[in-house]
Amino acid sequence: MKVTNVNKLTSSGCQVKIWIADWFAQLNNKLGGDLEKIKVIGEYFKEIWQAGGMNPEKVEFLWASEEISSRGNKYWPLVMDIARRNNVWAEQIMGRSETEVLSAAQILYPCMQCADIFFLGADICQLGMDQRKVNMLAREYCDDIKRKNKPIILSHHMLHGLLEGQEKMSKSNPSSAIFMEDEEDAVNEKISQAHCPLKTVVGNPCLEYIKYLVLLRFNEFVVEQNGGNKTFTSFEDIAAEYESGELSEEDLKKPVRDHFKTNERAKNLTEQVRAFRVTR
């Protein structure tokens, strides 16, 4: 979803900056707070985005630690001003429960994340729906400081997990999503075992993959039926035929498996991603 939206923005003439938030990962105690390991993962993310089809020539990658260190006299007063104007709500932004004890770093985190938007001079914020609260915090801060030009919020959809009852993918459950390093056999098995309720559109992860991964990128979805091909260019048409029973579960799943199998560029770049992990 990130790659698709970034490519749309760059093709429309936007200048895109991707904020590699290494200090934020450290604040959130990722990888035990080891900044060197976090930086390796940041480089890995760049490989992942390229494998996903992002055009790196039109994107500027910025490391939070480097930018904040070099322009701290601009950044920290902004963080402090945001902090003094707002209440503690880190649990809503960082996925923490209301009863969990927060570290001071986790309280600082949302104020910094909000400050990033103004520090980078962003006109448009492109994040997932799970980050919508901090984006709205930025817009509310504009009201506080009487700033008319509020950042535009471009939130991408969060894909459902592949298993029944999963509203979003889970890193802790490998069966819930397709990972960039998955071998072809693993991809085929995950799609084959994916929840795909009969004649049901809402909450169907297979239809989600078709809508947001296949159609959004390639503008068509091809189904093999009765020895011939049927091409769809509209998700509404696919959904209607599945809901009516004209399309079967396997009619959906086979093209999705083929989608991952036949994307040779992505397969080659994924090999580069694996090689990157081995060398680092």
C-alpha atoms as a PDB file:
ATOM      1  CA  MET A   1       0.000   0.000   0.000  1.00  0.00           C
ATOM      2  CA  LYS A   2       2.859   2.370   0.827  1.00  0.00           C
ATOM      3  CA  VAL A   3       4.583   1.675  -2.484  1.00  0.00           C
ATOM      4  CA  THR A   4       1.404   2.156  -4.520  1.00  0.00           C
ATOM      5  CA  ASN A   5       0.611   5.511  -2.916  1.00  0.00           C
ATOM      6  CA  VAL A   6       4.183   6.771  -3.122  1.00  0.00           C
ATOM      7  CA  ASN A   7       4.358   5.911  -6.831  1.00  0.00           C
ATOM      8  CA  LYS A   8       1.069   7.717  -7.418  1.00  0.00           C
ATOM      9  CA  LEU A   9       2.417  10.785  -5.638  1.00  0.00           C
ATOM     10  CA  THR A  10       5.730  10.869  -7.516  1.00  0.00           C
ATOM     11  CA  SER A  11       4.020  10.305 -10.885  1.00  0.00           C
ATOM     12  CA  SER A  12       1.804  13.302 -10.058  1.00  0.00           C
ATOM     13  CA  GLY A  13       4.829  15.514  -9.513  1.00  0.00           C
ATOM     14  CA  CYS A  14       5.098  15.321  -5.722  1.00  0.00           C
ATOM     15  CA  GLN A  15       8.458  15.255  -3.974  1.00  0.00           C
ATOM     16  CA  VAL A  16       8.388  12.366  -1.515  1.00  0.00           C
ATOM     17  CA  LYS A  17      10.492  12.090   1.616  1.00  0.00           C
ATOM     18  CA  ILE A  18      10.496   8.813   3.517  1.00  0.00           C
ATOM     19  CA  TRP A  19      11.366   9.213   7.181  1.00  0.00           C
ATOM     20  CA  ILE A  20      13.374   6.227   8.401  1.00  0.00           C
ATOM     21  CA  ALA A  21      12.478   6.557  12.053  1.00  0.00           C
ATOM     22  CA  ASP A  22      15.458   4.886  13.706  1.00  0.00           C
ATOM     23  CA  TRP A  23      15.275   6.987  16.889  1.00  0.00           C
ATOM     24  CA  PHE A  24      11.560   6.228  17.145  1.00  0.00           C
ATOM     25  CA  ALA A  25      12.223   2.508  16.929  1.00  0.00           C
ATOM     26  CA  GLN A  26      14.747   2.942  19.736  1.00  0.00           C
ATOM     27  CA  LEU A  27      12.211   4.886  21.829  1.00  0.00           C
ATOM     28  CA  ASN A  28       9.730   2.056  21.297  1.00  0.00           C
ATOM     29  CA  ASN A  29      12.394  -0.461  22.368  1.00  0.00           C
ATOM     30  CA  LYS A  30      12.482  -2.297  19.052  1.00  0.00           C
ATOM     31  CA  LEU A  31      15.346  -4.816  18.825  1.00  0.00           C
ATOM     32  CA  GLY A  32      16.063  -4.116  22.462  1.00  0.00           C
ATOM     33  CA  GLY A  33      16.759  -0.455  21.650  1.00  0.00           C
ATOM     34  CA  ASP A  34      20.009  -1.361  19.833  1.00  0.00           C
ATOM     35  CA  LEU A  35      20.406   1.541  17.393  1.00  0.00           C
ATOM     36  CA  GLU A  36      23.012  -0.217  15.230  1.00  0.00           C
ATOM     37  CA  LYS A  37      20.670  -3.151  14.628  1.00  0.00           C
ATOM     38  CA  ILE A  38      17.817  -0.739  13.992  1.00  0.00           C
ATOM     39  CA  LYS A  39      19.878   1.035  11.314  1.00  0.00           C
ATOM     40  CA  VAL A  40      20.476  -2.275   9.561  1.00  0.00           C
ATOM     41  CA  ILE A  41      16.722  -2.859   9.516  1.00  0.00           C
ATOM     42  CA  GLY A  42      16.266   0.652   8.091  1.00  0.00           C
ATOM     43  CA  GLU A  43      18.511  -0.275   5.166  1.00  0.00           C
ATOM     44  CA  TYR A  44      16.545  -3.512   4.848  1.00  0.00           C
ATOM     45  CA  PHE A  45      13.295  -1.533   4.612  1.00  0.00           C
ATOM     46  CA  LYS A  46      14.715   0.405   1.670  1.00  0.00           C
ATOM     47  CA  GLU A  47      15.380  -2.910  -0.085  1.00  0.00           C
ATOM     48  CA  ILE A  48      11.847  -4.058   0.716  1.00  0.00           C
ATOM     49  CA  TRP A  49      10.265  -0.920  -0.743  1.00  0.00           C
ATOM     50  CA  GLN A  50      12.315  -1.320  -3.911  1.00  0.00           C
ATOM     51  CA  ALA A  51      11.278  -4.975  -4.166  1.00  0.00           C
ATOM     52  CA  GLY A  52       7.674  -3.822  -3.805  1.00  0.00           C
ATOM     53  CA  GLY A  53       8.050  -1.637  -6.892  1.00  0.00           C
ATOM     54  CA  MET A  54       8.884   1.789  -5.466  1.00  0.00           C
ATOM     55  CA  ASN A  55      10.949   4.009  -7.752  1.00  0.00           C
ATOM     56  CA  PRO A  56      13.919   4.972  -5.514  1.00  0.00           C
ATOM     57  CA  GLU A  57      15.124   7.644  -7.938  1.00  0.00           C
ATOM     58  CA  LYS A  58      12.110   9.798  -7.114  1.00  0.00           C
ATOM     59  CA  VAL A  59      12.202   9.335  -3.342  1.00  0.00           C
ATOM     60  CA  GLU A  60      14.469  10.901  -0.715  1.00  0.00           C
ATOM     61  CA  PHE A  61      15.217   8.688   2.276  1.00  0.00           C
ATOM     62  CA  LEU A  62      15.957  10.613   5.480  1.00  0.00           C
ATOM     63  CA  TRP A  63      17.187   9.142   8.765  1.00  0.00           C
ATOM     64  CA  ALA A  64      15.496  10.646  11.806  1.00  0.00           C
ATOM     65  CA  SER A  65      18.650  10.480  13.937  1.00  0.00           C
ATOM     66  CA  GLU A  66      20.746  12.359  11.375  1.00  0.00           C
ATOM     67  CA  GLU A  67      18.194  15.046  10.536  1.00  0.00           C
ATOM     68  CA  ILE A  68      17.222  15.758  14.134  1.00  0.00           C
ATOM     69  CA  SER A  69      20.862  15.861  15.257  1.00  0.00           C
ATOM     70  CA  SER A  70      21.799  18.320  12.515  1.00  0.00           C
ATOM     71  CA  ARG A  71      18.798  20.626  13.058  1.00  0.00           C
ATOM     72  CA  GLY A  72      17.980  20.128  16.713  1.00  0.00           C
ATOM     73  CA  ASN A  73      17.581  23.877  17.300  1.00  0.00           C
ATOM     74  CA  LYS A  74      14.497  23.752  15.069  1.00  0.00           C
ATOM     75  CA  TYR A  75      13.187  20.329  16.063  1.00  0.00           C
ATOM     76  CA  TRP A  76      13.197  20.283  19.867  1.00  0.00           C
ATOM     77  CA  PRO A  77      11.402  23.629  20.447  1.00  0.00           C
ATOM     78  CA  LEU A  78       8.674  22.302  18.147  1.00  0.00           C
ATOM     79  CA  VAL A  79       8.391  19.055  20.148  1.00  0.00           C
ATOM     80  CA  MET A  80       8.215  21.022  23.398  1.00  0.00           C
ATOM     81  CA  ASP A  81       5.478  23.298  22.092  1.00  0.00           C
ATOM     82  CA  ILE A  82       3.377  20.330  20.933  1.00  0.00           C
ATOM     83  CA  ALA A  83       3.942  18.593  24.289  1.00  0.00           C
ATOM     84  CA  ARG A  84       2.762  21.526  26.383  1.00  0.00           C
ATOM     85  CA  ARG A  85      -0.422  21.912  24.352  1.00  0.00           C
ATOM     86  CA  ASN A  86      -1.606  18.277  24.538  1.00  0.00           C
ATOM     87  CA  ASN A  87      -2.502  15.548  27.005  1.00  0.00           C
ATOM     88  CA  VAL A  88      -0.868  12.134  27.283  1.00  0.00           C
ATOM     89  CA  TRP A  89      -2.299   9.744  24.704  1.00  0.00           C
ATOM     90  CA  ALA A  90       0.701   7.649  23.708  1.00  0.00           C
ATOM     91  CA  GLU A  91      -1.286   4.451  24.159  1.00  0.00           C
ATOM     92  CA  GLN A  92      -3.625   5.490  21.335  1.00  0.00           C
ATOM     93  CA  ILE A  93      -0.777   6.087  18.898  1.00  0.00           C
ATOM     94  CA  MET A  94       1.702   3.382  19.839  1.00  0.00           C
ATOM     95  CA  GLY A  95      -0.768   0.559  20.324  1.00  0.00           C
ATOM     96  CA  ARG A  96      -0.346   0.376  24.091  1.00  0.00           C
ATOM     97  CA  SER A  97      -3.186  -0.570  26.401  1.00  0.00           C
ATOM     98  CA  GLU A  98      -4.651   2.074  28.692  1.00  0.00           C
ATOM     99  CA  THR A  99      -3.558   0.114  31.773  1.00  0.00           C
ATOM    100  CA  GLU A 100       0.038  -0.419  30.633  1.00  0.00           C
ATOM    101  CA  VAL A 101       2.701   1.640  32.378  1.00  0.00           C
ATOM    102  CA  LEU A 102       4.408   3.876  29.824  1.00  0.00           C
ATOM    103  CA  SER A 103       8.047   4.838  29.850  1.00  0.00           C
ATOM    104  CA  ALA A 104       8.988   8.500  29.519  1.00  0.00           C
ATOM    105  CA  ALA A 105      10.234   7.674  26.005  1.00  0.00           C
ATOM    106  CA  GLN A 106       6.803   6.395  25.020  1.00  0.00           C
ATOM    107  CA  ILE A 107       5.172   9.586  26.251  1.00  0.00           C
ATOM    108  CA  LEU A 108       7.644  11.650  24.207  1.00  0.00           C
ATOM    109  CA  TYR A 109       7.108   9.528  21.079  1.00  0.00           C
ATOM    110  CA  PRO A 110       3.763  10.964  19.807  1.00  0.00           C
ATOM    111  CA  CYS A 111       4.923  14.551  20.345  1.00  0.00           C
ATOM    112  CA  MET A 112       7.990  13.827  18.223  1.00  0.00           C
ATOM    113  CA  GLN A 113       5.957  12.017  15.601  1.00  0.00           C
ATOM    114  CA  CYS A 114       3.658  15.020  15.304  1.00  0.00           C
ATOM    115  CA  ALA A 115       6.635  17.391  15.141  1.00  0.00           C
ATOM    116  CA  ASP A 116       8.114  15.404  12.240  1.00  0.00           C
ATOM    117  CA  ILE A 117       5.336  16.584   9.945  1.00  0.00           C
ATOM    118  CA  PHE A 118       6.202  20.251  10.440  1.00  0.00           C
ATOM    119  CA  PHE A 119       9.947  19.632  10.679  1.00  0.00           C
ATOM    120  CA  LEU A 120       9.914  18.013   7.228  1.00  0.00           C
ATOM    121  CA  GLY A 121       7.640  20.690   5.783  1.00  0.00           C
ATOM    122  CA  ALA A 122       5.158  18.034   4.655  1.00  0.00           C
ATOM    123  CA  ASP A 123       2.070  19.150   2.742  1.00  0.00           C
ATOM    124  CA  ILE A 124       0.750  15.573   2.587  1.00  0.00           C
ATOM    125  CA  CYS A 125       1.191  12.852   5.234  1.00  0.00           C
ATOM    126  CA  GLN A 126       1.063   9.331   3.820  1.00  0.00           C
ATOM    127  CA  LEU A 127       0.661   6.730   6.570  1.00  0.00           C
ATOM    128  CA  GLY A 128      -1.571   3.765   7.344  1.00  0.00           C
ATOM    129  CA  MET A 129      -4.969   4.147   8.985  1.00  0.00           C
ATOM    130  CA  ASP A 130      -3.364   2.900  12.216  1.00  0.00           C
ATOM    131  CA  GLN A 131      -1.451   6.213  12.370  1.00  0.00           C
ATOM    132  CA  ARG A 132      -4.465   8.430  11.736  1.00  0.00           C
ATOM    133  CA  LYS A 133      -4.586   9.707  15.334  1.00  0.00           C
ATOM    134  CA  VAL A 134      -1.161  11.330  15.193  1.00  0.00           C
ATOM    135  CA  ASN A 135      -2.011  12.893  11.837  1.00  0.00           C
ATOM    136  CA  MET A 136      -5.141  14.395  13.337  1.00  0.00           C
ATOM    137  CA  LEU A 137      -3.045  15.631  16.261  1.00  0.00           C
ATOM    138  CA  ALA A 138      -0.971  17.557  13.720  1.00  0.00           C
ATOM    139  CA  ARG A 139      -4.064  19.143  12.218  1.00  0.00           C
ATOM    140  CA  GLU A 140      -5.374  20.083  15.664  1.00  0.00           C
ATOM    141  CA  TYR A 141      -1.991  21.623  16.480  1.00  0.00           C
ATOM    142  CA  CYS A 142      -2.470  23.869  13.440  1.00  0.00           C
ATOM    143  CA  ASP A 143      -5.667  25.154  15.048  1.00  0.00           C
ATOM    144  CA  ASP A 144      -3.767  25.853  18.278  1.00  0.00           C
ATOM    145  CA  ILE A 145      -1.072  27.893  16.555  1.00  0.00           C
ATOM    146  CA  LYS A 146      -3.520  29.546  14.098  1.00  0.00           C
ATOM    147  CA  ARG A 147      -1.876  27.983  11.075  1.00  0.00           C
ATOM    148  CA  LYS A 148      -4.200  27.898   8.055  1.00  0.00           C
ATOM    149  CA  ASN A 149      -2.330  25.384   5.886  1.00  0.00           C
ATOM    150  CA  LYS A 150      -2.991  22.065   7.578  1.00  0.00           C
ATOM    151  CA  PRO A 151      -1.262  18.896   6.369  1.00  0.00           C
ATOM    152  CA  ILE A 152      -3.409  16.738   4.096  1.00  0.00           C
ATOM    153  CA  ILE A 153      -3.854  13.230   5.488  1.00  0.00           C
ATOM    154  CA  LEU A 154      -3.525  10.443   2.906  1.00  0.00           C
ATOM    155  CA  SER A 155      -4.084   7.226   4.862  1.00  0.00           C
ATOM    156  CA  HIS A 156      -3.753   3.885   3.161  1.00  0.00           C
ATOM    157  CA  HIS A 157      -6.015   0.943   3.931  1.00  0.00           C
ATOM    158  CA  MET A 158      -4.823  -1.712   6.401  1.00  0.00           C
ATOM    159  CA  LEU A 159      -5.133  -5.154   4.826  1.00  0.00           C
ATOM    160  CA  HIS A 160      -7.036  -7.855   6.680  1.00  0.00           C
ATOM    161  CA  GLY A 161      -5.135 -10.865   7.925  1.00  0.00           C
ATOM    162  CA  LEU A 162      -5.520 -14.003   5.828  1.00  0.00           C
ATOM    163  CA  LEU A 163      -7.026 -16.005   8.683  1.00  0.00           C
ATOM    164  CA  GLU A 164     -10.601 -15.876   9.889  1.00  0.00           C
ATOM    165  CA  GLY A 165     -11.383 -13.070  12.323  1.00  0.00           C
ATOM    166  CA  GLN A 166      -8.194 -11.064  11.670  1.00  0.00           C
ATOM    167  CA  GLU A 167      -8.946  -7.406  11.039  1.00  0.00           C
ATOM    168  CA  LYS A 168      -5.296  -6.787  10.229  1.00  0.00           C
ATOM    169  CA  MET A 169      -2.143  -8.747   9.544  1.00  0.00           C
ATOM    170  CA  SER A 170      -0.040  -9.965  12.452  1.00  0.00           C
ATOM    171  CA  LYS A 171       3.756 -10.252  12.456  1.00  0.00           C
ATOM    172  CA  SER A 172       3.497 -12.802  15.252  1.00  0.00           C
ATOM    173  CA  ASN A 173       1.414 -15.178  13.113  1.00  0.00           C
ATOM    174  CA  PRO A 174       3.247 -16.006   9.853  1.00  0.00           C
ATOM    175  CA  SER A 175       0.081 -17.481   8.320  1.00  0.00           C
ATOM    176  CA  SER A 176      -1.721 -14.143   8.505  1.00  0.00           C
ATOM    177  CA  ALA A 177       0.130 -12.413   5.665  1.00  0.00           C
ATOM    178  CA  ILE A 178       2.424 -12.769   2.677  1.00  0.00           C
ATOM    179  CA  PHE A 179       5.946 -11.737   3.686  1.00  0.00           C
ATOM    180  CA  MET A 180       8.505 -10.408   1.232  1.00  0.00           C
ATOM    181  CA  GLU A 181      10.861 -13.327   1.855  1.00  0.00           C
ATOM    182  CA  ASP A 182       8.258 -16.091   1.526  1.00  0.00           C
ATOM    183  CA  GLU A 183       9.140 -18.861  -0.903  1.00  0.00           C
ATOM    184  CA  GLU A 184       6.657 -19.684  -3.650  1.00  0.00           C
ATOM    185  CA  ASP A 185       5.420 -22.822  -1.871  1.00  0.00           C
ATOM    186  CA  ALA A 186       4.724 -20.831   1.299  1.00  0.00           C
ATOM    187  CA  VAL A 187       2.804 -18.195  -0.648  1.00  0.00           C
ATOM    188  CA  ASN A 188       0.708 -20.845  -2.388  1.00  0.00           C
ATOM    189  CA  GLU A 189      -0.104 -22.548   0.900  1.00  0.00           C
ATOM    190  CA  LYS A 190      -1.060 -19.310   2.638  1.00  0.00           C
ATOM    191  CA  ILE A 191      -3.393 -18.263  -0.167  1.00  0.00           C
ATOM    192  CA  SER A 192      -4.880 -21.756  -0.398  1.00  0.00           C
ATOM    193  CA  GLN A 193      -5.586 -21.808   3.340  1.00  0.00           C
ATOM    194  CA  ALA A 194      -6.793 -18.193   3.490  1.00  0.00           C
ATOM    195  CA  HIS A 195     -10.253 -17.448   4.855  1.00  0.00           C
ATOM    196  CA  CYS A 196     -12.621 -16.949   1.928  1.00  0.00           C
ATOM    197  CA  PRO A 197     -16.238 -17.248   3.105  1.00  0.00           C
ATOM    198  CA  LEU A 198     -18.681 -18.415   0.441  1.00  0.00           C
ATOM    199  CA  LYS A 199     -20.585 -15.592  -1.314  1.00  0.00           C
ATOM    200  CA  THR A 200     -19.288 -13.086   1.258  1.00  0.00           C
ATOM    201  CA  VAL A 201     -17.491  -9.865   0.329  1.00  0.00           C
ATOM    202  CA  VAL A 202     -17.133  -7.982   3.621  1.00  0.00           C
ATOM    203  CA  GLY A 203     -14.177  -9.205   5.671  1.00  0.00           C
ATOM    204  CA  ASN A 204     -12.941 -11.502   2.888  1.00  0.00           C
ATOM    205  CA  PRO A 205      -9.131 -11.243   2.804  1.00  0.00           C
ATOM    206  CA  CYS A 206      -8.856 -12.818  -0.660  1.00  0.00           C
ATOM    207  CA  LEU A 207     -11.045 -10.084  -2.102  1.00  0.00           C
ATOM    208  CA  GLU A 208      -8.994  -7.516  -0.171  1.00  0.00           C
ATOM    209  CA  TYR A 209      -5.815  -8.747  -1.874  1.00  0.00           C
ATOM    210  CA  ILE A 210      -7.513  -8.535  -5.264  1.00  0.00           C
ATOM    211  CA  LYS A 211      -8.821  -5.023  -4.637  1.00  0.00           C
ATOM    212  CA  TYR A 212      -5.756  -3.445  -3.041  1.00  0.00           C
ATOM    213  CA  LEU A 213      -2.818  -5.417  -4.457  1.00  0.00           C
ATOM    214  CA  VAL A 214      -3.795  -6.750  -7.876  1.00  0.00           C
ATOM    215  CA  LEU A 215      -6.338  -4.284  -9.304  1.00  0.00           C
ATOM    216  CA  LEU A 216      -4.789  -1.207  -7.748  1.00  0.00           C
ATOM    217  CA  ARG A 217      -1.413  -1.947  -9.341  1.00  0.00           C
ATOM    218  CA  PHE A 218      -2.279  -3.782 -12.584  1.00  0.00           C
ATOM    219  CA  ASN A 219      -5.827  -2.549 -13.309  1.00  0.00           C
ATOM    220  CA  GLU A 220      -7.158  -5.989 -14.199  1.00  0.00           C
ATOM    221  CA  PHE A 221      -7.937  -9.385 -12.678  1.00  0.00           C
ATOM    222  CA  VAL A 222      -8.063 -12.437 -14.930  1.00  0.00           C
ATOM    223  CA  VAL A 223     -10.030 -15.569 -14.012  1.00  0.00           C
ATOM    224  CA  GLU A 224      -9.778 -18.884 -15.887  1.00  0.00           C
ATOM    225  CA  GLN A 225     -13.212 -20.434 -16.373  1.00  0.00           C
ATOM    226  CA  ASN A 226     -14.363 -23.244 -18.678  1.00  0.00           C
ATOM    227  CA  GLY A 227     -11.168 -23.233 -20.684  1.00  0.00           C
ATOM    228  CA  GLY A 228     -11.180 -19.483 -21.272  1.00  0.00           C
ATOM    229  CA  ASN A 229     -10.224 -16.264 -19.537  1.00  0.00           C
ATOM    230  CA  LYS A 230     -12.543 -13.670 -18.054  1.00  0.00           C
ATOM    231  CA  THR A 231     -10.996 -10.266 -17.412  1.00  0.00           C
ATOM    232  CA  PHE A 232     -12.300  -7.892 -14.750  1.00  0.00           C
ATOM    233  CA  THR A 233     -11.318  -4.234 -14.476  1.00  0.00           C
ATOM    234  CA  SER A 234     -13.773  -3.327 -11.707  1.00  0.00           C
ATOM    235  CA  PHE A 235     -13.745  -4.649  -8.160  1.00  0.00           C
ATOM    236  CA  GLU A 236     -17.489  -4.110  -7.939  1.00  0.00           C
ATOM    237  CA  ASP A 237     -17.991  -6.598 -10.782  1.00  0.00           C
ATOM    238  CA  ILE A 238     -15.760  -9.184  -9.081  1.00  0.00           C
ATOM    239  CA  ALA A 239     -17.553  -8.726  -5.764  1.00  0.00           C
ATOM    240  CA  ALA A 240     -20.986  -9.018  -7.386  1.00  0.00           C
ATOM    241  CA  GLU A 241     -20.112 -12.236  -9.205  1.00  0.00           C
ATOM    242  CA  TYR A 242     -18.574 -13.795  -6.107  1.00  0.00           C
ATOM    243  CA  GLU A 243     -21.569 -12.801  -4.011  1.00  0.00           C
ATOM    244  CA  SER A 244     -23.923 -14.342  -6.565  1.00  0.00           C
ATOM    245  CA  GLY A 245     -21.928 -17.574  -6.755  1.00  0.00           C
ATOM    246  CA  GLU A 246     -20.773 -17.108 -10.354  1.00  0.00           C
ATOM    247  CA  LEU A 247     -17.182 -17.000  -9.078  1.00  0.00           C
ATOM    248  CA  SER A 248     -15.950 -19.722  -6.733  1.00  0.00           C
ATOM    249  CA  GLU A 249     -13.383 -19.570  -3.956  1.00  0.00           C
ATOM    250  CA  GLU A 250     -10.796 -21.185  -6.226  1.00  0.00           C
ATOM    251  CA  ASP A 251     -11.639 -18.697  -8.995  1.00  0.00           C
ATOM    252  CA  LEU A 252     -10.365 -15.992  -6.621  1.00  0.00           C
ATOM    253  CA  LYS A 253      -7.429 -17.827  -5.101  1.00  0.00           C
ATOM    254  CA  LYS A 254      -5.738 -19.186  -8.228  1.00  0.00           C
ATOM    255  CA  PRO A 255      -5.148 -15.765  -9.869  1.00  0.00           C
ATOM    256  CA  VAL A 256      -3.915 -14.374  -6.539  1.00  0.00           C
ATOM    257  CA  ARG A 257      -1.372 -17.211  -6.269  1.00  0.00           C
ATOM    258  CA  ASP A 258      -0.378 -16.580  -9.889  1.00  0.00           C
ATOM    259  CA  HIS A 259      -0.038 -12.860  -9.184  1.00  0.00           C
ATOM    260  CA  PHE A 260       2.779 -13.503  -6.712  1.00  0.00           C
ATOM    261  CA  LYS A 261       4.329 -16.279  -8.795  1.00  0.00           C
ATOM    262  CA  THR A 262       4.538 -14.446 -12.115  1.00  0.00           C
ATOM    263  CA  ASN A 263       5.894 -11.115 -10.869  1.00  0.00           C
ATOM    264  CA  GLU A 264       9.496 -11.843 -11.926  1.00  0.00           C
ATOM    265  CA  ARG A 265      10.845  -8.403 -11.021  1.00  0.00           C
ATOM    266  CA  ALA A 266       9.568  -8.708  -7.487  1.00  0.00           C
ATOM    267  CA  LYS A 267      10.957 -12.251  -7.234  1.00  0.00           C
ATOM    268  CA  ASN A 268      14.421 -11.098  -8.361  1.00  0.00           C
ATOM    269  CA  LEU A 269      14.440  -8.164  -5.971  1.00  0.00           C
ATOM    270  CA  THR A 270      13.243 -10.387  -3.148  1.00  0.00           C
ATOM    271  CA  GLU A 271      16.341 -12.512  -3.732  1.00  0.00           C
ATOM    272  CA  GLN A 272      18.375  -9.328  -3.268  1.00  0.00           C
ATOM    273  CA  VAL A 273      16.529  -8.699   0.001  1.00  0.00           C
ATOM    274  CA  ARG A 274      17.431 -12.186   1.228  1.00  0.00           C
ATOM    275  CA  ALA A 275      21.053 -11.647   0.196  1.00  0.00           C
ATOM    276  CA  PHE A 276      21.099  -8.340   2.078  1.00  0.00           C
ATOM    277  CA  ARG A 277      20.013 -10.082   5.274  1.00  0.00           C
ATOM    278  CA  VAL A 278      22.689 -12.753   4.867  1.00  0.00           C
ATOM    279  CA  THR A 279      25.513 -10.272   4.277  1.00  0.00           C
ATOM    280  CA  ARG A 280      24.513  -8.009   7.144  1.00  0.00           C
END
